[in-house]
Amino acid sequence: MRDAEVTRLVREGASVTDPDAWRRGYSAAIRRITEQANYLPLWSCPTTEAFSRQLEFKPWPDEPPRFYLASWK
């Protein structure tokens, strides 16, 4: 889907050499794109690495499980 307003703002920013006018045009385009944020997640992949009350396991924010650091209570 093409947004005529975004196209206009990008063309406006691209048609000038003045840095302030350039920033205004592109900033307005980026703001509109961000506000619209038209997207649809195509899939999700929930994972369960380990689950047991007897297992000492810490999940990490970057997601790869570090099973070598796990231990039994």
PDB file of N, CA and C in Angstrom:
ATOM      1  N   MET A   1       0.848  -1.169   0.000  1.00  0.00           N
ATOM      2  CA  MET A   1       0.000   0.000   0.000  1.00  0.00           C
ATOM      3  C   MET A   1       0.896   1.235   0.000  1.00  0.00           C
ATOM      4  N   ARG A   2       0.642   2.129  -0.871  1.00  0.00           N
ATOM      5  CA  ARG A   2       1.419   3.368  -0.945  1.00  0.00           C
ATOM      6  C   ARG A   2       0.626   4.499  -0.310  1.00  0.00           C
ATOM      7  N   ASP A   3       1.327   5.286   0.465  1.00  0.00           N
ATOM      8  CA  ASP A   3       0.708   6.422   1.138  1.00  0.00           C
ATOM      9  C   ASP A   3       1.120   7.689   0.387  1.00  0.00           C
ATOM     10  N   ALA A   4       0.160   8.364  -0.208  1.00  0.00           N
ATOM     11  CA  ALA A   4       0.438   9.555  -1.002  1.00  0.00           C
ATOM     12  C   ALA A   4       1.092  10.655  -0.161  1.00  0.00           C
ATOM     13  N   GLU A   5       0.687  10.756   1.099  1.00  0.00           N
ATOM     14  CA  GLU A   5       1.263  11.781   1.979  1.00  0.00           C
ATOM     15  C   GLU A   5       2.741  11.496   2.254  1.00  0.00           C
ATOM     16  N   VAL A   6       3.085  10.240   2.507  1.00  0.00           N
ATOM     17  CA  VAL A   6       4.490   9.874   2.728  1.00  0.00           C
ATOM     18  C   VAL A   6       5.303  10.150   1.463  1.00  0.00           C
ATOM     19  N   THR A   7       4.765   9.776   0.321  1.00  0.00           N
ATOM     20  CA  THR A   7       5.453  10.031  -0.949  1.00  0.00           C
ATOM     21  C   THR A   7       5.701  11.523  -1.128  1.00  0.00           C
ATOM     22  N   ARG A   8       4.702  12.340  -0.841  1.00  0.00           N
ATOM     23  CA  ARG A   8       4.845  13.785  -0.972  1.00  0.00           C
ATOM     24  C   ARG A   8       5.925  14.315  -0.034  1.00  0.00           C
ATOM     25  N   LEU A   9       5.920  13.854   1.216  1.00  0.00           N
ATOM     26  CA  LEU A   9       6.893  14.333   2.195  1.00  0.00           C
ATOM     27  C   LEU A   9       8.320  13.917   1.835  1.00  0.00           C
ATOM     28  N   VAL A  10       8.489  12.702   1.348  1.00  0.00           N
ATOM     29  CA  VAL A  10       9.818  12.248   0.937  1.00  0.00           C
ATOM     30  C   VAL A  10      10.306  13.052  -0.264  1.00  0.00           C
ATOM     31  N   ARG A  11       9.432  13.275  -1.224  1.00  0.00           N
ATOM     32  CA  ARG A  11       9.817  14.095  -2.390  1.00  0.00           C
ATOM     33  C   ARG A  11      10.166  15.520  -1.960  1.00  0.00           C
ATOM     34  N   GLU A  12       9.410  16.044  -1.030  1.00  0.00           N
ATOM     35  CA  GLU A  12       9.675  17.387  -0.513  1.00  0.00           C
ATOM     36  C   GLU A  12      11.059  17.442   0.141  1.00  0.00           C
ATOM     37  N   GLY A  13      11.380  16.444   0.947  1.00  0.00           N
ATOM     38  CA  GLY A  13      12.691  16.400   1.588  1.00  0.00           C
ATOM     39  C   GLY A  13      13.819  16.194   0.598  1.00  0.00           C
ATOM     40  N   ALA A  14      13.567  15.404  -0.441  1.00  0.00           N
ATOM     41  CA  ALA A  14      14.601  15.104  -1.430  1.00  0.00           C
ATOM     42  C   ALA A  14      14.829  16.243  -2.414  1.00  0.00           C
ATOM     43  N   SER A  15      13.907  17.189  -2.478  1.00  0.00           N
ATOM     44  CA  SER A  15      14.002  18.241  -3.504  1.00  0.00           C
ATOM     45  C   SER A  15      14.726  19.491  -3.027  1.00  0.00           C
ATOM     46  N   VAL A  16      15.209  19.495  -1.798  1.00  0.00           N
ATOM     47  CA  VAL A  16      15.869  20.682  -1.263  1.00  0.00           C
ATOM     48  C   VAL A  16      17.301  20.377  -0.850  1.00  0.00           C
ATOM     49  N   THR A  17      18.106  21.411  -0.799  1.00  0.00           N
ATOM     50  CA  THR A  17      19.486  21.245  -0.339  1.00  0.00           C
ATOM     51  C   THR A  17      19.716  21.854   1.036  1.00  0.00           C
ATOM     52  N   ASP A  18      18.755  22.628   1.494  1.00  0.00           N
ATOM     53  CA  ASP A  18      18.852  23.223   2.826  1.00  0.00           C
ATOM     54  C   ASP A  18      18.688  22.123   3.876  1.00  0.00           C
ATOM     55  N   PRO A  19      19.673  21.926   4.764  1.00  0.00           N
ATOM     56  CA  PRO A  19      19.591  20.841   5.750  1.00  0.00           C
ATOM     57  C   PRO A  19      18.358  20.902   6.639  1.00  0.00           C
ATOM     58  N   ASP A  20      17.938  22.089   7.038  1.00  0.00           N
ATOM     59  CA  ASP A  20      16.759  22.202   7.901  1.00  0.00           C
ATOM     60  C   ASP A  20      15.483  21.797   7.166  1.00  0.00           C
ATOM     61  N   ALA A  21      15.343  22.212   5.918  1.00  0.00           N
ATOM     62  CA  ALA A  21      14.167  21.833   5.126  1.00  0.00           C
ATOM     63  C   ALA A  21      14.197  20.334   4.846  1.00  0.00           C
ATOM     64  N   TRP A  22      15.375  19.808   4.596  1.00  0.00           N
ATOM     65  CA  TRP A  22      15.531  18.365   4.354  1.00  0.00           C
ATOM     66  C   TRP A  22      15.082  17.573   5.585  1.00  0.00           C
ATOM     67  N   ARG A  23      15.548  18.008   6.757  1.00  0.00           N
ATOM     68  CA  ARG A  23      15.177  17.323   8.003  1.00  0.00           C
ATOM     69  C   ARG A  23      13.672  17.399   8.260  1.00  0.00           C
ATOM     70  N   ARG A  24      13.081  18.565   7.997  1.00  0.00           N
ATOM     71  CA  ARG A  24      11.632  18.718   8.214  1.00  0.00           C
ATOM     72  C   ARG A  24      10.843  17.736   7.354  1.00  0.00           C
ATOM     73  N   GLY A  25      11.194  17.651   6.065  1.00  0.00           N
ATOM     74  CA  GLY A  25      10.475  16.755   5.163  1.00  0.00           C
ATOM     75  C   GLY A  25      10.609  15.296   5.570  1.00  0.00           C
ATOM     76  N   TYR A  26      11.850  14.868   5.806  1.00  0.00           N
ATOM     77  CA  TYR A  26      12.065  13.468   6.173  1.00  0.00           C
ATOM     78  C   TYR A  26      11.547  13.148   7.567  1.00  0.00           C
ATOM     79  N   SER A  27      11.668  14.079   8.499  1.00  0.00           N
ATOM     80  CA  SER A  27      11.141  13.847   9.849  1.00  0.00           C
ATOM     81  C   SER A  27       9.636  13.656   9.819  1.00  0.00           C
ATOM     82  N   ALA A  28       8.948  14.473   9.030  1.00  0.00           N
ATOM     83  CA  ALA A  28       7.491  14.344   8.926  1.00  0.00           C
ATOM     84  C   ALA A  28       7.122  13.003   8.296  1.00  0.00           C
ATOM     85  N   ALA A  29       7.892  12.568   7.288  1.00  0.00           N
ATOM     86  CA  ALA A  29       7.616  11.278   6.641  1.00  0.00           C
ATOM     87  C   ALA A  29       7.836  10.134   7.625  1.00  0.00           C
ATOM     88  N   ILE A  30       8.941  10.164   8.349  1.00  0.00           N
ATOM     89  CA  ILE A  30       9.235   9.100   9.327  1.00  0.00           C
ATOM     90  C   ILE A  30       8.192   9.084  10.433  1.00  0.00           C
ATOM     91  N   ARG A  31       7.763  10.267  10.883  1.00  0.00           N
ATOM     92  CA  ARG A  31       6.728  10.338  11.921  1.00  0.00           C
ATOM     93  C   ARG A  31       5.435   9.683  11.434  1.00  0.00           C
ATOM     94  N   ARG A  32       5.045   9.996  10.204  1.00  0.00           N
ATOM     95  CA  ARG A  32       3.804   9.414   9.663  1.00  0.00           C
ATOM     96  C   ARG A  32       3.927   7.889   9.515  1.00  0.00           C
ATOM     97  N   ILE A  33       5.050   7.431   9.013  1.00  0.00           N
ATOM     98  CA  ILE A  33       5.275   5.983   8.859  1.00  0.00           C
ATOM     99  C   ILE A  33       5.200   5.303  10.218  1.00  0.00           C
ATOM    100  N   THR A  34       5.825   5.901  11.228  1.00  0.00           N
ATOM    101  CA  THR A  34       5.829   5.333  12.577  1.00  0.00           C
ATOM    102  C   THR A  34       4.431   5.319  13.178  1.00  0.00           C
ATOM    103  N   GLU A  35       3.684   6.397  12.984  1.00  0.00           N
ATOM    104  CA  GLU A  35       2.324   6.465  13.531  1.00  0.00           C
ATOM    105  C   GLU A  35       1.406   5.447  12.872  1.00  0.00           C
ATOM    106  N   GLN A  36       1.562   5.242  11.573  1.00  0.00           N
ATOM    107  CA  GLN A  36       0.710   4.284  10.855  1.00  0.00           C
ATOM    108  C   GLN A  36       1.072   2.856  11.247  1.00  0.00           C
ATOM    109  N   ALA A  37       2.359   2.550  11.231  1.00  0.00           N
ATOM    110  CA  ALA A  37       2.887   1.232  11.615  1.00  0.00           C
ATOM    111  C   ALA A  37       1.990   0.096  11.124  1.00  0.00           C
ATOM    112  N   ASN A  38       1.709   0.077   9.845  1.00  0.00           N
ATOM    113  CA  ASN A  38       0.860  -0.972   9.273  1.00  0.00           C
ATOM    114  C   ASN A  38       1.683  -2.252   9.070  1.00  0.00           C
ATOM    115  N   TYR A  39       1.485  -3.194   9.953  1.00  0.00           N
ATOM    116  CA  TYR A  39       2.170  -4.465   9.813  1.00  0.00           C
ATOM    117  C   TYR A  39       1.322  -5.555  10.446  1.00  0.00           C
ATOM    118  N   LEU A  40       1.609  -6.766  10.076  1.00  0.00           N
ATOM    119  CA  LEU A  40       0.914  -7.921  10.607  1.00  0.00           C
ATOM    120  C   LEU A  40       1.944  -9.009  10.846  1.00  0.00           C
ATOM    121  N   PRO A  41       2.122  -9.442  12.090  1.00  0.00           N
ATOM    122  CA  PRO A  41       3.082 -10.518  12.319  1.00  0.00           C
ATOM    123  C   PRO A  41       2.634 -11.776  11.574  1.00  0.00           C
ATOM    124  N   LEU A  42       3.549 -12.394  10.869  1.00  0.00           N
ATOM    125  CA  LEU A  42       3.203 -13.579  10.094  1.00  0.00           C
ATOM    126  C   LEU A  42       3.277 -14.861  10.915  1.00  0.00           C
ATOM    127  N   TRP A  43       4.089 -14.857  11.956  1.00  0.00           N
ATOM    128  CA  TRP A  43       4.187 -16.032  12.815  1.00  0.00           C
ATOM    129  C   TRP A  43       4.852 -15.652  14.115  1.00  0.00           C
ATOM    130  N   SER A  44       4.713 -16.503  15.092  1.00  0.00           N
ATOM    131  CA  SER A  44       5.435 -16.342  16.351  1.00  0.00           C
ATOM    132  C   SER A  44       5.986 -17.710  16.735  1.00  0.00           C
ATOM    133  N   CYS A  45       7.006 -17.686  17.506  1.00  0.00           N
ATOM    134  CA  CYS A  45       7.667 -18.948  17.849  1.00  0.00           C
ATOM    135  C   CYS A  45       7.943 -18.999  19.349  1.00  0.00           C
ATOM    136  N   PRO A  46       6.921 -19.288  20.153  1.00  0.00           N
ATOM    137  CA  PRO A  46       7.175 -19.397  21.590  1.00  0.00           C
ATOM    138  C   PRO A  46       7.997 -20.651  21.875  1.00  0.00           C
ATOM    139  N   THR A  47       8.900 -20.545  22.817  1.00  0.00           N
ATOM    140  CA  THR A  47       9.734 -21.691  23.170  1.00  0.00           C
ATOM    141  C   THR A  47       9.700 -21.918  24.670  1.00  0.00           C
ATOM    142  N   THR A  48       9.785 -23.153  25.052  1.00  0.00           N
ATOM    143  CA  THR A  48       9.962 -23.539  26.443  1.00  0.00           C
ATOM    144  C   THR A  48      11.240 -24.354  26.496  1.00  0.00           C
ATOM    145  N   GLU A  49      12.260 -23.822  27.141  1.00  0.00           N
ATOM    146  CA  GLU A  49      13.539 -24.513  27.175  1.00  0.00           C
ATOM    147  C   GLU A  49      13.609 -25.552  28.275  1.00  0.00           C
ATOM    148  N   ALA A  50      13.155 -25.194  29.463  1.00  0.00           N
ATOM    149  CA  ALA A  50      13.269 -26.112  30.598  1.00  0.00           C
ATOM    150  C   ALA A  50      12.229 -25.735  31.636  1.00  0.00           C
ATOM    151  N   PHE A  51      11.644 -26.762  32.219  1.00  0.00           N
ATOM    152  CA  PHE A  51      10.655 -26.485  33.244  1.00  0.00           C
ATOM    153  C   PHE A  51      10.616 -27.638  34.227  1.00  0.00           C
ATOM    154  N   SER A  52      11.077 -27.378  35.412  1.00  0.00           N
ATOM    155  CA  SER A  52      11.004 -28.339  36.498  1.00  0.00           C
ATOM    156  C   SER A  52      11.362 -27.603  37.783  1.00  0.00           C
ATOM    157  N   ARG A  53      10.653 -27.894  38.846  1.00  0.00           N
ATOM    158  CA  ARG A  53      10.967 -27.249  40.120  1.00  0.00           C
ATOM    159  C   ARG A  53      12.338 -27.666  40.631  1.00  0.00           C
ATOM    160  N   GLN A  54      12.800 -28.822  40.200  1.00  0.00           N
ATOM    161  CA  GLN A  54      14.097 -29.313  40.659  1.00  0.00           C
ATOM    162  C   GLN A  54      15.265 -28.772  39.821  1.00  0.00           C
ATOM    163  N   LEU A  55      14.972 -28.046  38.760  1.00  0.00           N
ATOM    164  CA  LEU A  55      16.008 -27.558  37.871  1.00  0.00           C
ATOM    165  C   LEU A  55      16.313 -26.090  38.151  1.00  0.00           C
ATOM    166  N   GLU A  56      17.562 -25.777  38.325  1.00  0.00           N
ATOM    167  CA  GLU A  56      18.017 -24.397  38.483  1.00  0.00           C
ATOM    168  C   GLU A  56      18.420 -23.909  37.087  1.00  0.00           C
ATOM    169  N   PHE A  57      17.543 -23.116  36.457  1.00  0.00           N
ATOM    170  CA  PHE A  57      17.755 -22.686  35.071  1.00  0.00           C
ATOM    171  C   PHE A  57      17.415 -21.213  34.939  1.00  0.00           C
ATOM    172  N   LYS A  58      18.322 -20.437  34.336  1.00  0.00           N
ATOM    173  CA  LYS A  58      18.100 -19.012  34.150  1.00  0.00           C
ATOM    174  C   LYS A  58      17.937 -18.724  32.656  1.00  0.00           C
ATOM    175  N   PRO A  59      16.786 -18.175  32.222  1.00  0.00           N
ATOM    176  CA  PRO A  59      16.650 -17.764  30.821  1.00  0.00           C
ATOM    177  C   PRO A  59      17.432 -16.475  30.586  1.00  0.00           C
ATOM    178  N   TRP A  60      17.956 -16.312  29.381  1.00  0.00           N
ATOM    179  CA  TRP A  60      18.761 -15.151  29.031  1.00  0.00           C
ATOM    180  C   TRP A  60      18.004 -14.272  28.045  1.00  0.00           C
ATOM    181  N   PRO A  61      18.200 -12.963  28.084  1.00  0.00           N
ATOM    182  CA  PRO A  61      17.440 -12.064  27.202  1.00  0.00           C
ATOM    183  C   PRO A  61      17.728 -12.265  25.715  1.00  0.00           C
ATOM    184  N   ASP A  62      18.896 -12.813  25.357  1.00  0.00           N
ATOM    185  CA  ASP A  62      19.183 -13.020  23.935  1.00  0.00           C
ATOM    186  C   ASP A  62      18.652 -14.363  23.433  1.00  0.00           C
ATOM    187  N   GLU A  63      18.002 -15.116  24.296  1.00  0.00           N
ATOM    188  CA  GLU A  63      17.238 -16.333  24.023  1.00  0.00           C
ATOM    189  C   GLU A  63      17.991 -17.649  23.867  1.00  0.00           C
ATOM    190  N   PRO A  64      19.227 -17.738  23.396  1.00  0.00           N
ATOM    191  CA  PRO A  64      19.838 -19.062  23.343  1.00  0.00           C
ATOM    192  C   PRO A  64      19.964 -19.642  24.757  1.00  0.00           C
ATOM    193  N   PRO A  65      19.430 -20.828  24.984  1.00  0.00           N
ATOM    194  CA  PRO A  65      19.512 -21.414  26.328  1.00  0.00           C
ATOM    195  C   PRO A  65      20.940 -21.856  26.636  1.00  0.00           C
ATOM    196  N   ARG A  66      21.366 -21.598  27.834  1.00  0.00           N
ATOM    197  CA  ARG A  66      22.701 -22.010  28.279  1.00  0.00           C
ATOM    198  C   ARG A  66      22.535 -23.174  29.250  1.00  0.00           C
ATOM    199  N   PHE A  67      22.258 -24.328  28.685  1.00  0.00           N
ATOM    200  CA  PHE A  67      22.012 -25.511  29.511  1.00  0.00           C
ATOM    201  C   PHE A  67      23.249 -25.909  30.313  1.00  0.00           C
ATOM    202  N   TYR A  68      24.423 -25.564  29.825  1.00  0.00           N
ATOM    203  CA  TYR A  68      25.646 -25.894  30.555  1.00  0.00           C
ATOM    204  C   TYR A  68      25.741 -25.155  31.887  1.00  0.00           C
ATOM    205  N   LEU A  69      24.941 -24.100  32.071  1.00  0.00           N
ATOM    206  CA  LEU A  69      24.909 -23.376  33.329  1.00  0.00           C
ATOM    207  C   LEU A  69      23.798 -23.877  34.251  1.00  0.00           C
ATOM    208  N   ALA A  70      22.942 -24.755  33.771  1.00  0.00           N
ATOM    209  CA  ALA A  70      21.828 -25.280  34.562  1.00  0.00           C
ATOM    210  C   ALA A  70      22.359 -26.351  35.530  1.00  0.00           C
ATOM    211  N   SER A  71      21.621 -26.521  36.607  1.00  0.00           N
ATOM    212  CA  SER A  71      21.990 -27.559  37.582  1.00  0.00           C
ATOM    213  C   SER A  71      20.716 -28.040  38.279  1.00  0.00           C
ATOM    214  N   TRP A  72      20.823 -29.186  38.887  1.00  0.00           N
ATOM    215  CA  TRP A  72      19.712 -29.736  39.654  1.00  0.00           C
ATOM    216  C   TRP A  72      19.829 -29.261  41.086  1.00  0.00           C
ATOM    217  N   LYS A  73      18.713 -28.962  41.702  1.00  0.00           N
ATOM    218  CA  LYS A  73      18.707 -28.505  43.111  1.00  0.00           C
ATOM    219  C   LYS A  73      18.975 -29.674  44.023  1.00  0.00           C
TER     220      LYS A  73
END
